[in-house]
Protein backbone atom coordinates (compact mmCIF):
# COMPACT_ATOMS: atom_id res chain seq x y z
CA MET A 1 34.32 72.75 46.21
CA LYS A 2 33.44 70.20 43.58
CA ILE A 3 33.88 70.43 40.20
CA CYS A 4 32.59 69.09 36.83
CA VAL A 5 34.76 69.50 33.97
CA ALA A 6 32.98 69.49 30.68
CA GLY A 7 34.94 68.75 27.47
CA GLU A 8 37.63 65.43 27.04
CA GLY A 9 39.62 67.38 24.75
CA ALA A 10 43.09 69.12 25.13
CA PHE A 11 41.60 72.02 27.10
CA GLY A 12 39.81 69.98 29.78
CA VAL A 13 43.05 67.84 30.13
CA LYS A 14 44.89 71.19 30.79
CA HIS A 15 42.06 72.02 33.59
CA LEU A 16 42.12 68.63 34.98
CA GLU A 17 45.73 69.47 35.35
CA ALA A 18 45.72 72.68 36.32
CA LEU A 19 42.56 71.93 38.99
CA ALA A 20 44.86 69.20 40.58
CA LYS A 21 47.59 71.83 41.81
CA ILE A 22 44.69 73.79 43.67
CA ASP A 23 43.57 73.00 47.36
CA GLY A 24 40.02 72.07 48.13
CA VAL A 25 38.96 71.48 44.83
CA GLU A 26 37.62 67.90 43.48
CA VAL A 27 36.58 67.12 40.29
CA VAL A 28 33.33 65.07 40.57
CA SER A 29 32.46 64.90 36.96
CA LEU A 30 33.83 65.33 33.58
CA ALA A 31 31.23 65.13 30.65
CA GLY A 32 32.59 64.69 27.49
CA GLY A 33 31.08 64.37 23.44
CA VAL A 34 33.18 60.76 22.89
CA ALA A 35 32.30 57.57 25.53
CA ALA A 36 35.76 55.87 24.99
CA ASP A 37 37.95 59.14 24.67
CA THR A 38 35.69 60.64 28.00
CA GLU A 39 36.03 57.08 30.04
CA ALA A 40 39.85 57.22 29.60
CA VAL A 41 40.52 61.05 30.49
CA ALA A 42 38.21 60.29 33.40
CA GLN A 43 40.73 57.25 34.65
CA LYS A 44 43.69 59.08 34.05
CA PHE A 45 42.47 61.99 36.52
CA SER A 46 40.90 59.78 39.17
CA VAL A 47 37.61 61.01 38.33
CA GLY A 48 34.67 59.27 39.72
CA HIS A 49 32.37 60.07 37.70
CA TRP A 50 31.61 60.22 34.05
CA ALA A 51 28.86 60.92 31.59
CA VAL A 52 28.25 61.87 27.51
CA GLY A 53 26.50 65.00 27.52
CA LEU A 54 25.89 67.49 30.22
CA GLU A 55 22.78 66.51 31.76
CA GLU A 56 23.44 63.50 33.92
CA SER A 57 26.30 65.75 35.81
CA LEU A 58 24.14 68.83 35.84
CA ALA A 59 22.20 66.81 38.06
CA ARG A 60 24.49 65.38 40.20
CA THR A 61 23.49 67.43 44.11
CA ASP A 62 27.17 67.82 44.44
CA VAL A 63 27.91 69.67 41.68
CA GLU A 64 29.08 73.56 42.77
CA ALA A 65 30.75 74.87 39.77
CA VAL A 66 31.27 73.57 35.53
CA ILE A 67 34.40 74.68 33.78
CA LEU A 68 33.13 74.38 29.87
CA THR A 69 36.06 73.18 27.64
CA THR A 70 33.35 72.40 25.28
CA PRO A 71 33.26 73.10 21.13
CA THR A 72 32.80 77.32 20.74
CA PRO A 73 29.08 76.84 19.17
CA MET A 74 28.38 75.06 22.48
CA HIS A 75 29.12 77.68 25.04
CA ALA A 76 26.48 80.18 25.03
CA SER A 77 23.81 77.54 25.33
CA GLN A 78 25.37 75.00 27.94
CA ALA A 79 26.61 78.32 30.10
CA VAL A 80 22.87 79.15 30.30
CA GLN A 81 21.88 75.55 30.54
CA VAL A 82 24.48 75.32 33.80
CA MET A 83 23.09 78.61 35.18
CA ARG A 84 19.87 77.26 34.93
CA ALA A 85 20.71 74.39 36.65
CA GLY A 86 22.08 76.53 39.94
CA LYS A 87 25.57 75.96 39.24
CA HIS A 88 28.37 78.44 38.97
CA VAL A 89 30.39 78.11 35.43
CA MET A 90 33.19 79.28 33.79
CA VAL A 91 33.08 79.35 29.87
CA GLU A 92 36.19 78.73 27.98
CA ILE A 93 37.18 81.92 25.33
CA PRO A 94 34.94 82.62 23.96
CA ILE A 95 31.82 82.90 25.98
CA ALA A 96 29.92 82.92 22.44
CA ASP A 97 30.36 83.14 18.85
CA SER A 98 27.88 86.25 18.02
CA LEU A 99 27.34 89.60 20.32
CA ALA A 100 23.52 88.43 20.87
CA ASP A 101 24.95 85.01 22.81
CA ALA A 102 26.95 86.99 24.59
CA GLU A 103 24.21 89.29 25.77
CA LEU A 104 22.23 86.08 26.39
CA VAL A 105 24.78 84.69 28.78
CA VAL A 106 25.72 87.95 30.80
CA ALA A 107 21.75 88.54 31.52
CA THR A 108 20.94 85.19 32.46
CA GLN A 109 24.27 85.63 35.11
CA GLN A 110 22.49 88.78 36.26
CA GLU A 111 19.06 87.20 36.61
CA THR A 112 21.06 83.95 38.77
CA GLY A 113 23.83 86.27 40.57
CA LEU A 114 25.75 83.39 39.87
CA VAL A 115 29.60 83.27 39.24
CA ALA A 116 29.89 83.36 35.61
CA MET A 117 33.21 83.86 34.13
CA GLY A 118 35.26 83.88 30.58
CA GLY A 119 38.36 82.10 30.15
CA HIS A 120 40.73 84.52 29.29
CA THR A 121 43.62 83.38 30.23
CA ARG A 122 45.91 86.11 28.69
CA ARG A 123 44.50 88.14 31.60
CA PHE A 124 46.65 85.50 34.02
CA ASN A 125 49.19 84.53 32.20
CA PRO A 126 52.01 85.59 34.69
CA SER A 127 53.45 87.08 31.73
CA HIS A 128 50.55 89.88 30.98
CA GLN A 129 49.75 90.07 34.92
CA LEU A 130 53.50 91.42 35.11
CA LEU A 131 52.75 93.98 32.26
CA HIS A 132 49.70 95.33 33.59
CA ARG A 133 50.41 96.05 37.05
CA ARG A 134 53.69 98.36 35.79
CA ILE A 135 50.52 100.04 33.28
CA LEU A 136 48.31 100.87 35.54
CA ALA A 137 51.19 101.78 38.02
CA GLY A 138 52.59 104.45 35.20
CA GLU A 139 55.43 103.00 34.64
CA LEU A 140 54.42 101.92 31.32
CA LYS A 141 52.37 103.26 28.57
CA LEU A 142 51.47 100.80 25.58
CA GLN A 143 51.90 102.25 22.00
CA GLN A 144 51.11 99.07 20.00
CA LEU A 145 50.81 96.00 20.85
CA ASP A 146 51.67 93.88 17.97
CA VAL A 147 50.54 90.32 18.01
CA GLN A 148 51.13 87.14 15.83
CA THR A 149 48.56 83.89 16.28
CA PHE A 150 50.15 81.46 14.28
CA PHE A 151 48.73 77.84 13.75
CA PHE A 152 49.20 75.33 10.70
CA ARG A 153 45.48 73.74 10.72
CA ARG A 154 44.95 73.06 6.90
CA THR A 155 42.64 69.86 8.50
CA ASN A 156 39.97 70.40 11.39
CA MET A 157 42.20 68.96 14.01
CA ASN A 158 42.76 70.03 17.76
CA ALA A 159 45.44 70.86 19.44
CA LEU A 160 46.07 66.65 19.95
CA GLY A 161 45.84 66.00 16.23
CA LYS A 162 42.63 64.80 16.52
CA PRO A 163 39.66 65.37 14.02
CA ARG A 164 37.42 68.26 14.99
CA SER A 165 33.73 67.75 15.46
CA TRP A 166 33.47 71.38 14.55
CA THR A 167 35.41 74.25 12.96
CA ASP A 168 37.76 76.61 14.66
CA HIS A 169 37.29 80.19 14.14
CA LEU A 170 40.25 82.91 13.90
CA LEU A 171 37.87 85.90 14.41
CA TRP A 172 35.68 84.96 17.34
CA HIS A 173 37.85 82.00 18.97
CA HIS A 174 41.73 83.53 18.71
CA ALA A 175 41.66 86.91 17.90
CA CYS A 176 38.84 87.06 20.96
CA HIS A 177 42.10 86.44 22.97
CA THR A 178 43.77 89.63 21.51
CA VAL A 179 41.17 92.16 21.16
CA ASP A 180 40.28 91.24 24.84
CA LEU A 181 43.77 91.38 25.85
CA PHE A 182 44.24 95.18 24.46
CA GLN A 183 41.00 96.53 26.11
CA TYR A 184 42.04 95.14 29.22
CA GLN A 185 45.86 96.36 29.36
CA THR A 186 44.36 99.82 28.11
CA GLY A 187 41.73 100.11 30.19
CA GLN A 188 39.54 101.17 27.13
CA THR A 189 37.65 100.03 24.20
CA ALA A 190 38.50 100.06 20.67
CA SER A 191 37.05 103.25 19.15
CA GLU A 192 38.29 102.45 15.65
CA ALA A 193 38.53 98.57 14.42
CA PHE A 194 38.87 97.34 11.19
CA ALA A 195 39.47 93.58 9.67
CA LEU A 196 40.70 92.01 6.19
CA GLN A 197 40.76 88.40 5.70
CA GLY A 198 41.94 85.78 2.61
CA PRO A 199 39.79 83.54 0.59
CA PRO A 200 38.01 81.11 2.81
CA HIS A 201 38.94 77.47 3.10
CA PRO A 202 37.34 75.39 -0.06
CA THR A 203 35.59 72.65 2.38
CA LEU A 204 36.37 74.09 5.81
CA GLY A 205 34.53 77.06 4.75
CA ILE A 206 36.49 79.43 6.75
CA ALA A 207 39.24 82.57 5.86
CA MET A 208 42.41 80.97 6.87
CA ASP A 209 44.32 84.27 7.28
CA MET A 210 43.02 87.49 8.78
CA SER A 211 44.28 91.00 9.51
CA ILE A 212 42.75 93.03 12.22
CA GLY A 213 44.16 96.76 13.69
CA MET A 214 42.17 98.41 16.73
CA LYS A 215 42.65 101.75 18.26
CA VAL A 216 41.19 103.00 21.45
CA PRO A 217 40.78 106.57 22.67
CA SER A 218 44.65 106.80 23.97
CA GLY A 219 46.12 106.89 20.51
CA ALA A 220 47.05 102.91 21.58
CA ILE A 221 46.99 100.61 18.61
CA CYS A 222 47.00 97.06 18.02
CA THR A 223 47.92 95.19 14.87
CA LEU A 224 47.02 91.24 15.12
CA SER A 225 47.67 88.68 12.03
CA LEU A 226 46.17 85.21 12.33
CA SER A 227 46.97 82.17 10.36
CA PHE A 228 45.94 78.47 10.03
CA ASN A 229 48.41 78.29 7.07
CA ASN A 230 51.87 79.23 9.13
CA LYS A 231 54.21 76.59 8.82
CA GLY A 232 56.70 77.44 11.56
CA PRO A 233 57.12 78.49 15.02
CA LEU A 234 52.96 77.95 16.86
CA GLY A 235 50.73 79.67 18.79
CA THR A 236 50.63 83.50 20.19
CA PHE A 237 53.37 86.07 20.44
CA PHE A 238 53.02 89.72 22.11
CA ARG A 239 55.18 92.44 21.26
CA TYR A 240 54.35 95.48 23.66
CA ILE A 241 55.94 98.45 22.37
CA CYS A 242 55.30 101.12 24.84
CA ASP A 243 56.76 104.62 25.61
CA ASN A 244 59.58 102.82 28.62
CA GLY A 245 60.99 99.66 26.58
CA THR A 246 59.72 96.84 24.60
CA TYR A 247 58.57 93.35 25.91
CA ILE A 248 57.86 90.30 24.31
CA ALA A 249 55.12 88.04 25.86
CA ARG A 250 54.27 83.92 24.80
CA TYR A 251 52.09 82.52 27.28
CA ASP A 252 53.94 82.57 30.61
CA ASP A 253 56.93 83.73 29.76
CA LEU A 254 58.73 87.07 28.99
CA VAL A 255 61.38 88.90 27.28
CA ASP A 256 62.39 92.36 26.62
CA GLY A 257 62.80 93.86 23.22
CA GLU A 258 66.30 92.04 23.44
CA GLN A 259 65.68 88.75 24.39
CA ASN A 260 66.66 88.94 27.75
CA PRO A 261 63.81 86.69 30.17
CA ILE A 262 62.74 88.60 33.02
CA ASP A 263 62.04 87.12 36.24
CA LEU A 264 58.28 85.82 36.75
CA SER A 265 58.47 83.99 40.19
CA GLY A 266 57.41 86.44 41.81
CA VAL A 267 54.20 87.75 39.98
CA ASP A 268 52.00 85.12 41.50
CA VAL A 269 51.77 82.09 42.92
CA SER A 270 51.77 79.52 39.81
CA MET A 271 53.82 80.36 36.61
CA ASN A 272 50.79 78.73 35.08
CA GLY A 273 48.09 81.01 33.60
CA ILE A 274 45.57 78.30 33.29
CA GLU A 275 46.06 77.17 37.14
CA LEU A 276 46.11 80.95 37.87
CA GLN A 277 42.46 81.40 36.13
CA ASP A 278 41.10 78.38 37.53
CA ARG A 279 41.98 80.06 41.27
CA GLU A 280 40.17 83.12 40.35
CA PHE A 281 37.06 81.23 39.56
CA ILE A 282 37.22 79.17 42.61
CA ALA A 283 38.40 82.55 44.60
CA ALA A 284 35.30 84.36 43.23
CA ILE A 285 32.74 81.28 43.91
CA ARG A 286 33.92 80.93 47.74
CA GLU A 287 34.19 84.82 48.22
CA GLY A 288 31.21 86.00 46.72
CA ARG A 289 32.49 88.20 44.58
CA GLU A 290 32.85 89.25 40.83
CA PRO A 291 35.81 87.46 39.46
CA ASN A 292 38.47 89.01 36.75
CA ALA A 293 37.13 88.21 33.19
CA SER A 294 33.36 87.61 34.27
CA VAL A 295 31.16 87.40 31.25
CA ALA A 296 30.48 91.09 32.25
CA GLN A 297 34.04 91.99 31.69
CA CYS A 298 34.51 90.25 28.48
CA LEU A 299 31.19 91.56 26.94
CA PRO A 300 33.18 94.43 25.28
CA ALA A 301 35.72 92.63 23.20
CA MET A 302 32.62 90.58 21.88
CA GLN A 303 31.03 93.76 21.35
CA THR A 304 34.19 94.51 19.33
CA LEU A 305 34.35 90.70 17.78
CA ASP A 306 30.97 91.74 16.56
CA ARG A 307 31.89 95.05 14.93
CA LEU A 308 34.95 93.19 13.40
CA GLU A 309 32.88 90.79 11.62
CA ARG A 310 30.25 93.54 10.33
CA ASN A 311 33.31 94.77 8.71
CA LEU A 312 34.33 91.66 6.77
CA ASN A 313 31.19 91.15 5.43
CA SER A 314 30.71 94.64 4.41
CA HIS A 315 34.00 93.80 2.22
CA SER A 316 32.68 90.31 1.06
């Protein structure tokens, strides 16, 4: 299968590394935003074609599918553009930064019948996969998901420490991971949701701190704290407080409430959540089926984010 990766930044590189481990897959084109950086990444991963912008890559007849790791504000329009070109698409999280745009992506997928998937990596991390299976089996009942998403980004830098051409967002990007995961793990959409945010950054114009609370009909709650102001351990930490144990997940790793490591080596074919996500995308295309984290399955998270945004705006 011949793939185009769009985006030469940190997540584009993560996907290029993951795709290199999957048999029967070749990245034939890299579509970037900055020529020098795109060329350098293409050379590093032996990608034979690179271009600035998406059009040239989409015009290639050998490209069957595209993985979008481009700036968040471009996700929805580019996803539609890819599907209109007759290619399958994976859109890194979030699939859009508004509910209306997310609905357009879903409608385009339904119209074209192509595979369209959101980059909801938490569904694929071995840590969350194991707990998902135990919840489905009735071995665990989630009572509270307590999550911290902490970064130190007081300037507009990306994960590689380079200046961003766009502004990241705590709600539509980083909270999206947890909103989707909570609803996925409980199998329910939030019946109650509220959000609070701190003052906006004087130049970036976005809130640097945010608190989100959700509850599903089963009674389980989620408490999410997010910050771009945190100076300390970075990333996201998920504490699952269940009726039969407490577990702490950090990306692909899992410990119990007393910090004892849990062996995840038998959960899936890899310990890399990005690779497992990419494997699902490719398998869905090959098998002609809906993938886990299809854009349609991502829509409830987008609906909850829209509710949270309207809640924030009502208090601003």
